[in-house]
C-alpha atoms as a PDB file:
ATOM      1  CA  MET A   1       0.004   0.000   0.005  1.00  0.00           C
ATOM      2  CA  LYS A   2       1.296   3.407  -0.995  1.00  0.00           C
ATOM      3  CA  LEU A   3       1.209   6.274   1.498  1.00  0.00           C
ATOM      4  CA  HIS A   4       0.611   9.810   0.386  1.00  0.00           C
ATOM      5  CA  ARG A   5       3.257  12.281   1.543  1.00  0.00           C
ATOM      6  CA  ARG A   6       0.877  14.000   3.960  1.00  0.00           C
ATOM      7  CA  GLU A   7      -0.115  10.670   5.557  1.00  0.00           C
ATOM      8  CA  PHE A   8       3.544   9.639   5.858  1.00  0.00           C
ATOM      9  CA  LEU A   9       4.528  12.867   7.570  1.00  0.00           C
ATOM     10  CA  HIS A  10       1.574  12.584   9.947  1.00  0.00           C
ATOM     11  CA  LEU A  11       2.555   9.050  10.963  1.00  0.00           C
ATOM     12  CA  ALA A  12       6.217   9.980  11.289  1.00  0.00           C
ATOM     13  CA  ALA A  13       5.361  12.897  13.567  1.00  0.00           C
ATOM     14  CA  GLY A  14       3.185  10.618  15.678  1.00  0.00           C
ATOM     15  CA  ALA A  15       5.960   8.063  16.009  1.00  0.00           C
ATOM     16  CA  ALA A  16       8.470  10.734  17.024  1.00  0.00           C
ATOM     17  CA  ALA A  17       6.111  11.957  19.727  1.00  0.00           C
ATOM     18  CA  LEU A  18       5.673   8.511  21.257  1.00  0.00           C
ATOM     19  CA  PRO A  19       8.779   8.617  23.491  1.00  0.00           C
ATOM     20  CA  ALA A  20       7.745  12.011  24.889  1.00  0.00           C
ATOM     21  CA  VAL A  21       4.201  10.790  25.518  1.00  0.00           C
ATOM     22  CA  SER A  22       5.606   7.652  27.133  1.00  0.00           C
ATOM     23  CA  ARG A  23       7.904   9.674  29.390  1.00  0.00           C
ATOM     24  CA  THR A  24       5.059  11.931  30.429  1.00  0.00           C
ATOM     25  CA  ALA A  25       2.887   8.920  31.156  1.00  0.00           C
ATOM     26  CA  VAL A  26       5.626   7.442  33.368  1.00  0.00           C
ATOM     27  CA  ALA A  27       5.815  10.606  35.434  1.00  0.00           C
ATOM     28  CA  GLN A  28       2.034  10.953  35.687  1.00  0.00           C
ATOM     29  CA  ALA A  29       1.577   7.322  36.749  1.00  0.00           C
ATOM     30  CA  TYR A  30       4.279   7.508  39.415  1.00  0.00           C
ATOM     31  CA  PRO A  31       3.993   6.242  42.069  1.00  0.00           C
ATOM     32  CA  SER A  32       1.582   3.403  41.398  1.00  0.00           C
ATOM     33  CA  ARG A  33       2.732   1.331  44.390  1.00  0.00           C
ATOM     34  CA  PRO A  34       4.516   1.930  47.732  1.00  0.00           C
ATOM     35  CA  VAL A  35       8.021   3.462  47.639  1.00  0.00           C
ATOM     36  CA  ARG A  36      10.915   2.390  49.903  1.00  0.00           C
ATOM     37  CA  LEU A  37      12.893   5.213  51.507  1.00  0.00           C
ATOM     38  CA  VAL A  38      16.096   3.617  52.850  1.00  0.00           C
ATOM     39  CA  VAL A  39      17.689   5.114  55.972  1.00  0.00           C
ATOM     40  CA  PRO A  40      21.216   3.735  56.494  1.00  0.00           C
ATOM     41  CA  PHE A  41      21.017   4.202  60.276  1.00  0.00           C
ATOM     42  CA  ALA A  42      18.962   2.881  63.180  1.00  0.00           C
ATOM     43  CA  ALA A  43      15.644   4.482  64.060  1.00  0.00           C
ATOM     44  CA  GLY A  44      15.624   7.576  66.244  1.00  0.00           C
ATOM     45  CA  GLY A  45      18.623   9.500  64.915  1.00  0.00           C
ATOM     46  CA  PRO A  46      18.509  12.745  62.914  1.00  0.00           C
ATOM     47  CA  THR A  47      18.626  10.986  59.522  1.00  0.00           C
ATOM     48  CA  ASP A  48      15.713   8.744  60.538  1.00  0.00           C
ATOM     49  CA  ILE A  49      13.705  11.678  61.916  1.00  0.00           C
ATOM     50  CA  VAL A  50      14.070  13.645  58.677  1.00  0.00           C
ATOM     51  CA  ALA A  51      13.200  10.559  56.598  1.00  0.00           C
ATOM     52  CA  ARG A  52      10.019   9.874  58.537  1.00  0.00           C
ATOM     53  CA  LEU A  53       8.841  13.449  58.082  1.00  0.00           C
ATOM     54  CA  THR A  54       9.685  13.248  54.372  1.00  0.00           C
ATOM     55  CA  GLY A  55       7.885   9.935  53.978  1.00  0.00           C
ATOM     56  CA  GLN A  56       4.785  11.321  55.689  1.00  0.00           C
ATOM     57  CA  TRP A  57       4.690  14.441  53.524  1.00  0.00           C
ATOM     58  CA  LEU A  58       5.282  12.594  50.241  1.00  0.00           C
ATOM     59  CA  SER A  59       2.667   9.972  51.138  1.00  0.00           C
ATOM     60  CA  GLU A  60       0.089  12.689  51.742  1.00  0.00           C
ATOM     61  CA  ARG A  61       0.872  14.483  48.478  1.00  0.00           C
ATOM     62  CA  LEU A  62       1.275  11.497  46.156  1.00  0.00           C
ATOM     63  CA  GLY A  63      -1.297   9.085  47.533  1.00  0.00           C
ATOM     64  CA  GLN A  64       1.089   6.153  47.984  1.00  0.00           C
ATOM     65  CA  GLN A  65       2.973   4.988  51.057  1.00  0.00           C
ATOM     66  CA  PHE A  66       6.619   5.980  51.362  1.00  0.00           C
ATOM     67  CA  ILE A  67       7.846   3.243  53.676  1.00  0.00           C
ATOM     68  CA  ILE A  68      10.914   3.887  55.838  1.00  0.00           C
ATOM     69  CA  GLU A  69      13.385   1.007  55.781  1.00  0.00           C
ATOM     70  CA  ASN A  70      16.229   1.235  58.295  1.00  0.00           C
ATOM     71  CA  ARG A  71      19.392  -0.512  57.024  1.00  0.00           C
ATOM     72  CA  PRO A  72      22.099   0.452  59.554  1.00  0.00           C
ATOM     73  CA  GLY A  73      25.756  -0.554  59.561  1.00  0.00           C
ATOM     74  CA  ALA A  74      29.261   0.510  58.572  1.00  0.00           C
ATOM     75  CA  GLY A  75      28.624   4.231  58.991  1.00  0.00           C
ATOM     76  CA  GLY A  76      25.767   4.261  56.492  1.00  0.00           C
ATOM     77  CA  THR A  77      27.525   2.377  53.700  1.00  0.00           C
ATOM     78  CA  ILE A  78      25.358  -0.780  53.924  1.00  0.00           C
ATOM     79  CA  GLY A  79      22.085   1.063  53.386  1.00  0.00           C
ATOM     80  CA  THR A  80      23.579   3.263  50.677  1.00  0.00           C
ATOM     81  CA  GLU A  81      24.858   0.217  48.783  1.00  0.00           C
ATOM     82  CA  ALA A  82      21.399  -1.359  48.981  1.00  0.00           C
ATOM     83  CA  VAL A  83      20.016   1.650  47.106  1.00  0.00           C
ATOM     84  CA  VAL A  84      22.895   1.646  44.606  1.00  0.00           C
ATOM     85  CA  ARG A  85      22.058  -2.009  43.758  1.00  0.00           C
ATOM     86  CA  ALA A  86      18.292  -1.471  43.594  1.00  0.00           C
ATOM     87  CA  VAL A  87      16.278  -1.363  40.367  1.00  0.00           C
ATOM     88  CA  PRO A  88      16.364   2.273  39.156  1.00  0.00           C
ATOM     89  CA  ASP A  89      12.616   2.662  38.793  1.00  0.00           C
ATOM     90  CA  GLY A  90      11.885   5.305  41.424  1.00  0.00           C
ATOM     91  CA  TYR A  91      10.580   2.837  43.983  1.00  0.00           C
ATOM     92  CA  THR A  92      13.754   2.724  46.069  1.00  0.00           C
ATOM     93  CA  LEU A  93      15.118   6.038  47.367  1.00  0.00           C
ATOM     94  CA  LEU A  94      17.956   6.992  49.717  1.00  0.00           C
ATOM     95  CA  GLN A  95      17.826   9.399  52.623  1.00  0.00           C
ATOM     96  CA  ALA A  96      21.143  10.957  51.680  1.00  0.00           C
ATOM     97  CA  ALA A  97      23.124  13.180  54.008  1.00  0.00           C
ATOM     98  CA  ALA A  98      26.592  14.557  54.694  1.00  0.00           C
ATOM     99  CA  TYR A  99      27.741  11.127  55.882  1.00  0.00           C
ATOM    100  CA  ASN A 100      27.732   9.969  52.250  1.00  0.00           C
ATOM    101  CA  VAL A 101      30.478  12.337  51.102  1.00  0.00           C
ATOM    102  CA  VAL A 102      32.512  11.793  54.273  1.00  0.00           C
ATOM    103  CA  ASN A 103      32.367   8.017  53.778  1.00  0.00           C
ATOM    104  CA  ALA A 104      33.617   8.413  50.220  1.00  0.00           C
ATOM    105  CA  ALA A 105      36.861   9.792  51.658  1.00  0.00           C
ATOM    106  CA  LEU A 106      36.941   7.651  54.789  1.00  0.00           C
ATOM    107  CA  TYR A 107      36.544   4.157  53.301  1.00  0.00           C
ATOM    108  CA  ASP A 108      39.179   2.903  50.857  1.00  0.00           C
ATOM    109  CA  ASN A 109      37.352  -0.186  49.638  1.00  0.00           C
ATOM    110  CA  LEU A 110      33.754   0.841  48.943  1.00  0.00           C
ATOM    111  CA  SER A 111      32.148  -1.153  46.144  1.00  0.00           C
ATOM    112  CA  PHE A 112      30.352   1.933  44.871  1.00  0.00           C
ATOM    113  CA  ASN A 113      31.008   5.604  44.156  1.00  0.00           C
ATOM    114  CA  PHE A 114      28.370   7.802  45.765  1.00  0.00           C
ATOM    115  CA  GLU A 115      28.680  10.698  43.318  1.00  0.00           C
ATOM    116  CA  ARG A 116      28.619   8.353  40.308  1.00  0.00           C
ATOM    117  CA  ASP A 117      26.095   5.746  41.439  1.00  0.00           C
ATOM    118  CA  ILE A 118      23.451   7.831  43.226  1.00  0.00           C
ATOM    119  CA  THR A 119      21.328  10.321  41.287  1.00  0.00           C
ATOM    120  CA  PRO A 120      20.636  13.572  43.199  1.00  0.00           C
ATOM    121  CA  VAL A 121      16.875  14.093  43.512  1.00  0.00           C
ATOM    122  CA  ALA A 122      16.293  16.965  45.929  1.00  0.00           C
ATOM    123  CA  SER A 123      18.084  18.808  48.712  1.00  0.00           C
ATOM    124  CA  MET A 124      15.931  19.235  51.807  1.00  0.00           C
ATOM    125  CA  ILE A 125      17.393  20.735  54.951  1.00  0.00           C
ATOM    126  CA  SER A 126      20.604  22.126  56.415  1.00  0.00           C
ATOM    127  CA  VAL A 127      21.190  21.739  60.158  1.00  0.00           C
ATOM    128  CA  PRO A 128      23.831  23.686  62.125  1.00  0.00           C
ATOM    129  CA  LEU A 129      26.031  22.258  64.818  1.00  0.00           C
ATOM    130  CA  VAL A 130      27.196  23.963  67.996  1.00  0.00           C
ATOM    131  CA  MET A 131      30.546  23.769  69.774  1.00  0.00           C
ATOM    132  CA  VAL A 132      29.837  22.999  73.447  1.00  0.00           C
ATOM    133  CA  VAL A 133      32.169  22.626  76.414  1.00  0.00           C
ATOM    134  CA  ASN A 134      31.871  21.377  79.957  1.00  0.00           C
ATOM    135  CA  PRO A 135      31.473  24.443  82.209  1.00  0.00           C
ATOM    136  CA  SER A 136      34.564  23.383  84.179  1.00  0.00           C
ATOM    137  CA  LEU A 137      36.736  24.276  81.175  1.00  0.00           C
ATOM    138  CA  PRO A 138      38.218  27.780  81.741  1.00  0.00           C
ATOM    139  CA  ALA A 139      37.105  29.173  78.382  1.00  0.00           C
ATOM    140  CA  ARG A 140      33.995  31.278  77.849  1.00  0.00           C
ATOM    141  CA  THR A 141      34.651  32.315  74.262  1.00  0.00           C
ATOM    142  CA  VAL A 142      36.145  30.781  71.137  1.00  0.00           C
ATOM    143  CA  PRO A 143      39.338  32.923  71.354  1.00  0.00           C
ATOM    144  CA  GLU A 144      39.772  31.866  74.985  1.00  0.00           C
ATOM    145  CA  PHE A 145      39.284  28.217  74.013  1.00  0.00           C
ATOM    146  CA  ILE A 146      41.864  28.449  71.213  1.00  0.00           C
ATOM    147  CA  ALA A 147      44.370  30.113  73.542  1.00  0.00           C
ATOM    148  CA  TYR A 148      43.798  27.491  76.226  1.00  0.00           C
ATOM    149  CA  ALA A 149      44.080  24.632  73.728  1.00  0.00           C
ATOM    150  CA  LYS A 150      47.349  26.005  72.337  1.00  0.00           C
ATOM    151  CA  ALA A 151      48.728  26.308  75.856  1.00  0.00           C
ATOM    152  CA  ASN A 152      47.651  22.705  76.605  1.00  0.00           C
ATOM    153  CA  PRO A 153      48.227  20.711  73.394  1.00  0.00           C
ATOM    154  CA  GLY A 154      46.817  17.185  73.434  1.00  0.00           C
ATOM    155  CA  LYS A 155      45.155  17.674  76.831  1.00  0.00           C
ATOM    156  CA  ILE A 156      41.601  18.487  75.695  1.00  0.00           C
ATOM    157  CA  ASN A 157      39.407  15.542  74.747  1.00  0.00           C
ATOM    158  CA  MET A 158      36.922  16.125  71.905  1.00  0.00           C
ATOM    159  CA  ALA A 159      33.952  13.752  71.968  1.00  0.00           C
ATOM    160  CA  SER A 160      31.966  12.750  68.895  1.00  0.00           C
ATOM    161  CA  SER A 161      29.088  10.451  68.012  1.00  0.00           C
ATOM    162  CA  GLY A 162      31.412   8.288  65.915  1.00  0.00           C
ATOM    163  CA  ILE A 163      34.290   8.271  63.427  1.00  0.00           C
ATOM    164  CA  GLY A 164      33.264  10.012  60.216  1.00  0.00           C
ATOM    165  CA  ALA A 165      30.045  11.425  61.634  1.00  0.00           C
ATOM    166  CA  THR A 166      29.363  15.079  60.905  1.00  0.00           C
ATOM    167  CA  PRO A 167      30.193  16.142  64.502  1.00  0.00           C
ATOM    168  CA  HIS A 168      33.575  14.399  64.163  1.00  0.00           C
ATOM    169  CA  VAL A 169      34.576  16.021  60.873  1.00  0.00           C
ATOM    170  CA  ALA A 170      33.247  19.414  62.019  1.00  0.00           C
ATOM    171  CA  GLY A 171      35.653  19.135  64.952  1.00  0.00           C
ATOM    172  CA  GLU A 172      38.507  18.061  62.700  1.00  0.00           C
ATOM    173  CA  LEU A 173      37.863  21.067  60.452  1.00  0.00           C
ATOM    174  CA  PHE A 174      38.056  23.319  63.511  1.00  0.00           C
ATOM    175  CA  LYS A 175      41.341  21.691  64.600  1.00  0.00           C
ATOM    176  CA  MET A 176      42.769  22.203  61.114  1.00  0.00           C
ATOM    177  CA  MET A 177      41.682  25.820  60.718  1.00  0.00           C
ATOM    178  CA  ALA A 178      42.333  26.968  64.307  1.00  0.00           C
ATOM    179  CA  GLY A 179      45.654  25.146  64.572  1.00  0.00           C
ATOM    180  CA  VAL A 180      44.841  23.351  67.822  1.00  0.00           C
ATOM    181  CA  ASP A 181      45.664  19.818  69.030  1.00  0.00           C
ATOM    182  CA  LEU A 182      42.567  18.113  70.429  1.00  0.00           C
ATOM    183  CA  VAL A 183      42.268  14.379  71.166  1.00  0.00           C
ATOM    184  CA  HIS A 184      39.305  12.813  69.362  1.00  0.00           C
ATOM    185  CA  VAL A 185      37.285  10.374  71.481  1.00  0.00           C
ATOM    186  CA  PRO A 186      34.625   8.611  69.372  1.00  0.00           C
ATOM    187  CA  TYR A 187      31.494   7.108  70.926  1.00  0.00           C
ATOM    188  CA  ARG A 188      28.758   4.849  69.634  1.00  0.00           C
ATOM    189  CA  GLY A 189      26.185   7.588  69.322  1.00  0.00           C
ATOM    190  CA  ALA A 190      25.602  11.043  70.753  1.00  0.00           C
ATOM    191  CA  GLY A 191      23.910   9.809  73.946  1.00  0.00           C
ATOM    192  CA  ALA A 192      27.040   8.133  75.324  1.00  0.00           C
ATOM    193  CA  ALA A 193      29.167  11.114  74.276  1.00  0.00           C
ATOM    194  CA  PHE A 194      26.925  13.562  76.106  1.00  0.00           C
ATOM    195  CA  ALA A 195      27.000  11.411  79.268  1.00  0.00           C
ATOM    196  CA  ASP A 196      30.783  11.702  79.460  1.00  0.00           C
ATOM    197  CA  LEU A 197      30.790  15.361  78.427  1.00  0.00           C
ATOM    198  CA  LEU A 198      28.350  16.218  81.203  1.00  0.00           C
ATOM    199  CA  GLY A 199      30.405  14.131  83.622  1.00  0.00           C
ATOM    200  CA  GLY A 200      33.655  15.858  82.669  1.00  0.00           C
ATOM    201  CA  GLN A 201      35.446  12.793  81.275  1.00  0.00           C
ATOM    202  CA  VAL A 202      35.700  14.703  77.974  1.00  0.00           C
ATOM    203  CA  GLN A 203      35.806  18.470  77.732  1.00  0.00           C
ATOM    204  CA  MET A 204      34.189  19.528  74.477  1.00  0.00           C
ATOM    205  CA  MET A 205      32.118  18.396  71.540  1.00  0.00           C
ATOM    206  CA  PHE A 206      30.539  19.506  68.283  1.00  0.00           C
ATOM    207  CA  ASP A 207      26.953  18.317  67.878  1.00  0.00           C
ATOM    208  CA  PHE A 208      23.669  19.154  66.184  1.00  0.00           C
ATOM    209  CA  ILE A 209      21.739  21.940  67.870  1.00  0.00           C
ATOM    210  CA  PRO A 210      18.506  19.928  68.445  1.00  0.00           C
ATOM    211  CA  SER A 211      20.259  17.454  70.726  1.00  0.00           C
ATOM    212  CA  SER A 212      22.400  20.088  72.468  1.00  0.00           C
ATOM    213  CA  VAL A 213      20.149  23.062  72.971  1.00  0.00           C
ATOM    214  CA  GLU A 214      18.465  22.007  76.224  1.00  0.00           C
ATOM    215  CA  TYR A 215      21.830  21.290  77.867  1.00  0.00           C
ATOM    216  CA  VAL A 216      22.920  24.798  76.884  1.00  0.00           C
ATOM    217  CA  ARG A 217      19.711  26.470  78.080  1.00  0.00           C
ATOM    218  CA  SER A 218      19.915  24.659  81.427  1.00  0.00           C
ATOM    219  CA  GLY A 219      23.547  25.675  81.944  1.00  0.00           C
ATOM    220  CA  LYS A 220      24.816  22.099  81.968  1.00  0.00           C
ATOM    221  CA  LEU A 221      26.958  22.878  78.908  1.00  0.00           C
ATOM    222  CA  ARG A 222      28.437  26.118  77.604  1.00  0.00           C
ATOM    223  CA  ALA A 223      27.968  26.993  73.928  1.00  0.00           C
ATOM    224  CA  LEU A 224      30.918  28.822  72.385  1.00  0.00           C
ATOM    225  CA  GLY A 225      29.904  29.018  68.744  1.00  0.00           C
ATOM    226  CA  VAL A 226      27.642  27.697  66.011  1.00  0.00           C
ATOM    227  CA  THR A 227      29.130  26.193  62.883  1.00  0.00           C
ATOM    228  CA  THR A 228      27.089  27.951  60.197  1.00  0.00           C
ATOM    229  CA  THR A 229      27.816  31.345  58.633  1.00  0.00           C
ATOM    230  CA  ALA A 230      24.755  32.894  60.300  1.00  0.00           C
ATOM    231  CA  ARG A 231      23.627  32.665  63.905  1.00  0.00           C
ATOM    232  CA  ALA A 232      21.109  29.954  64.745  1.00  0.00           C
ATOM    233  CA  THR A 233      17.557  30.994  65.662  1.00  0.00           C
ATOM    234  CA  ALA A 234      17.548  28.416  68.471  1.00  0.00           C
ATOM    235  CA  LEU A 235      20.659  30.010  70.047  1.00  0.00           C
ATOM    236  CA  PRO A 236      20.521  33.657  68.944  1.00  0.00           C
ATOM    237  CA  ASP A 237      23.064  34.872  71.508  1.00  0.00           C
ATOM    238  CA  VAL A 238      25.767  32.407  70.445  1.00  0.00           C
ATOM    239  CA  PRO A 239      28.208  33.779  67.842  1.00  0.00           C
ATOM    240  CA  THR A 240      29.372  31.896  64.784  1.00  0.00           C
ATOM    241  CA  LEU A 241      32.743  30.173  64.800  1.00  0.00           C
ATOM    242  CA  GLY A 242      33.500  32.022  61.568  1.00  0.00           C
ATOM    243  CA  ASP A 243      33.529  35.268  63.576  1.00  0.00           C
ATOM    244  CA  PHE A 244      36.797  34.047  65.122  1.00  0.00           C
ATOM    245  CA  VAL A 245      38.065  31.453  62.631  1.00  0.00           C
ATOM    246  CA  PRO A 246      37.545  33.150  59.254  1.00  0.00           C
ATOM    247  CA  GLY A 247      36.046  30.876  56.622  1.00  0.00           C
ATOM    248  CA  TYR A 248      34.933  28.179  59.034  1.00  0.00           C
ATOM    249  CA  GLU A 249      31.583  26.591  58.127  1.00  0.00           C
ATOM    250  CA  ALA A 250      30.111  23.169  58.730  1.00  0.00           C
ATOM    251  CA  SER A 251      26.605  21.831  58.745  1.00  0.00           C
ATOM    252  CA  GLY A 252      24.650  18.652  58.423  1.00  0.00           C
ATOM    253  CA  TRP A 253      22.480  18.410  55.335  1.00  0.00           C
ATOM    254  CA  PHE A 254      19.868  15.978  54.120  1.00  0.00           C
ATOM    255  CA  GLY A 255      18.377  15.199  50.736  1.00  0.00           C
ATOM    256  CA  LEU A 256      16.859  12.504  48.550  1.00  0.00           C
ATOM    257  CA  GLY A 257      18.864  10.269  46.223  1.00  0.00           C
ATOM    258  CA  ALA A 258      17.952   7.487  43.799  1.00  0.00           C
ATOM    259  CA  PRO A 259      19.880   4.741  41.984  1.00  0.00           C
ATOM    260  CA  LYS A 260      21.785   5.788  38.882  1.00  0.00           C
ATOM    261  CA  GLY A 261      19.561   5.377  35.826  1.00  0.00           C
ATOM    262  CA  THR A 262      16.308   6.361  37.532  1.00  0.00           C
ATOM    263  CA  PRO A 263      14.122   8.005  34.823  1.00  0.00           C
ATOM    264  CA  ALA A 264      14.637  11.777  34.696  1.00  0.00           C
ATOM    265  CA  GLU A 265      10.860  12.259  34.623  1.00  0.00           C
ATOM    266  CA  ILE A 266      10.504  10.560  38.022  1.00  0.00           C
ATOM    267  CA  VAL A 267      13.475  12.468  39.462  1.00  0.00           C
ATOM    268  CA  ASP A 268      11.988  15.760  38.275  1.00  0.00           C
ATOM    269  CA  ALA A 269       8.535  14.860  39.598  1.00  0.00           C
ATOM    270  CA  LEU A 270       9.939  14.046  43.056  1.00  0.00           C
ATOM    271  CA  ASN A 271      12.028  17.222  43.027  1.00  0.00           C
ATOM    272  CA  LYS A 272       8.934  19.283  42.215  1.00  0.00           C
ATOM    273  CA  GLU A 273       7.006  17.670  45.079  1.00  0.00           C
ATOM    274  CA  MET A 274       9.826  18.202  47.575  1.00  0.00           C
ATOM    275  CA  ASN A 275      10.179  21.867  46.634  1.00  0.00           C
ATOM    276  CA  ALA A 276       6.433  22.313  47.061  1.00  0.00           C
ATOM    277  CA  ILE A 277       6.553  20.608  50.471  1.00  0.00           C
ATOM    278  CA  LEU A 278       9.500  22.713  51.621  1.00  0.00           C
ATOM    279  CA  GLY A 279       7.718  25.882  50.526  1.00  0.00           C
ATOM    280  CA  ASP A 280       4.877  25.229  52.983  1.00  0.00           C
ATOM    281  CA  GLU A 281       5.059  27.482  56.052  1.00  0.00           C
ATOM    282  CA  LYS A 282       4.030  24.681  58.422  1.00  0.00           C
ATOM    283  CA  VAL A 283       6.823  22.475  57.103  1.00  0.00           C
ATOM    284  CA  LYS A 284       9.317  25.304  57.464  1.00  0.00           C
ATOM    285  CA  ALA A 285       8.202  25.790  61.055  1.00  0.00           C
ATOM    286  CA  ARG A 286       8.497  22.063  61.793  1.00  0.00           C
ATOM    287  CA  LEU A 287      12.033  21.953  60.368  1.00  0.00           C
ATOM    288  CA  ALA A 288      12.930  25.105  62.290  1.00  0.00           C
ATOM    289  CA  ASP A 289      11.991  23.215  65.466  1.00  0.00           C
ATOM    290  CA  LEU A 290      14.768  20.776  64.515  1.00  0.00           C
ATOM    291  CA  GLY A 291      17.160  23.697  64.102  1.00  0.00           C
ATOM    292  CA  GLY A 292      17.091  23.355  60.327  1.00  0.00           C
ATOM    293  CA  THR A 293      16.798  25.605  57.303  1.00  0.00           C
ATOM    294  CA  VAL A 294      15.130  24.381  54.120  1.00  0.00           C
ATOM    295  CA  LEU A 295      17.261  23.788  51.006  1.00  0.00           C
ATOM    296  CA  THR A 296      15.304  23.952  47.761  1.00  0.00           C
ATOM    297  CA  GLY A 297      16.517  23.758  44.179  1.00  0.00           C
ATOM    298  CA  SER A 298      16.855  21.489  41.168  1.00  0.00           C
ATOM    299  CA  PRO A 299      18.479  18.037  41.087  1.00  0.00           C
ATOM    300  CA  ALA A 300      21.480  19.732  39.459  1.00  0.00           C
ATOM    301  CA  ASP A 301      21.691  22.187  42.359  1.00  0.00           C
ATOM    302  CA  PHE A 302      21.751  19.289  44.810  1.00  0.00           C
ATOM    303  CA  GLY A 303      24.462  17.637  42.710  1.00  0.00           C
ATOM    304  CA  LYS A 304      26.589  20.784  42.940  1.00  0.00           C
ATOM    305  CA  LEU A 305      26.189  20.848  46.743  1.00  0.00           C
ATOM    306  CA  ILE A 306      27.305  17.207  46.923  1.00  0.00           C
ATOM    307  CA  GLY A 307      30.349  17.949  44.786  1.00  0.00           C
ATOM    308  CA  VAL A 308      31.432  20.934  46.882  1.00  0.00           C
ATOM    309  CA  GLU A 309      30.918  19.038  50.141  1.00  0.00           C
ATOM    310  CA  ALA A 310      32.790  15.972  48.874  1.00  0.00           C
ATOM    311  CA  GLU A 311      35.852  18.048  47.990  1.00  0.00           C
ATOM    312  CA  LYS A 312      35.761  19.896  51.312  1.00  0.00           C
ATOM    313  CA  TRP A 313      35.439  16.869  53.584  1.00  0.00           C
ATOM    314  CA  ALA A 314      37.968  14.799  51.636  1.00  0.00           C
ATOM    315  CA  LYS A 315      40.595  17.363  52.627  1.00  0.00           C
ATOM    316  CA  VAL A 316      39.494  17.259  56.265  1.00  0.00           C
ATOM    317  CA  VAL A 317      39.516  13.441  56.422  1.00  0.00           C
ATOM    318  CA  LYS A 318      42.997  13.371  54.887  1.00  0.00           C
ATOM    319  CA  PHE A 319      44.237  15.985  57.372  1.00  0.00           C
ATOM    320  CA  SER A 320      42.779  14.107  60.332  1.00  0.00           C
ATOM    321  CA  GLY A 321      44.134  10.709  59.302  1.00  0.00           C
ATOM    322  CA  ALA A 322      40.798   9.213  60.371  1.00  0.00           C
ATOM    323  CA  LYS A 323      40.130   5.568  59.607  1.00  0.00           C
ATOM    324  CA  PRO A 324      36.862   3.607  59.933  1.00  0.00           C
ATOM    325  CA  GLY A 325      36.299   2.282  63.426  1.00  0.00           C
END
C-alpha cells in the first residue's frame, strides 16, 4: 500500500512523539505502588527523623505509602549500597546526608562511588552544629578556648558520636583551621558522648543543635559558637565560629537520592514535590523546630552541593588521618 506524503509525515510525527508521551505517562503514573525510603542508620537519629517526616509528607501528596526502611551498619555504607544495587525505577530512594560524602573519603574499599552511582533528587534541609564545652573548662569564648588549647596541646578531649560522623569532621575542620591539638574520642552515638561530656570525662564536643540546645539552656553545657555562617535561631546569643576562625563553616544536610539510571521524569517529579513541600510554612516551622533551614533547588543544584561538600570533607579526612572504626 502506498502512502501519500501528507499521511507519511503525519505518521512519522506521531511516532516521534511517542517517546515524549511515554515519558510523560511514566511521570504521571508515578507512584503506582509503595516506595521504599532507605535510611542507612537505626531508628531515632537525625537521619531517621528527617526521613520519617519526608515519607509522611510525600505519602500525603502523592497518595502512595513511602515506607521507611532502616538498614544500619558501617557508617551508612550498607544502606547506601542497597540503594545503589536497587532497580532504578523510582521505587527505592535513599535518605542521603553529609555522611555519604565523608564516607567516600573515609573508606578505601567501597564497592560503589556515591557521586557516580546515586542520582541527586532533591536537597531538603541544612542543620547547624554547635561547639559545646563542659562548664569546668576555663574558656568562655572561642578565642579563649583556642588560647587554652594552644597552651595545653593534646590535653583536651573532643567527643563525637562516631568516626566520620558530621560532629567528628566538624571538629577536625576546627582543629585544622584553628591550629589546635585536640584528642578525638569517638562514641557509639551522641547519647554516650553527652554522658561523658556532662560528667567531665571529655571536655568539648561539636553536635547538632537539636540534641544540644536544652543542655545549653539549662547551663549544663556552655555553647561557644555555632558552625554555620549565620547565627542559629535556636541560640541567637551564640556567635558563629566564623567570627573568630575566618572561613569556618560546617553543617549537616539531608536530601533525597535514587539509583543511577532512575528516569529523569521521576526524578523531576519528586524534586517538584519536595520543593512544594518545603515551601509550605508549616513544614518550614517544623524543620525550624529541629534547628534546620530548608534547602530547595533542582536536582542539578543538589548535585553541585554534593560535589562541593565531597571536595571539602575529603581534605578534612585526609588531614585528620581518620580511619573507619
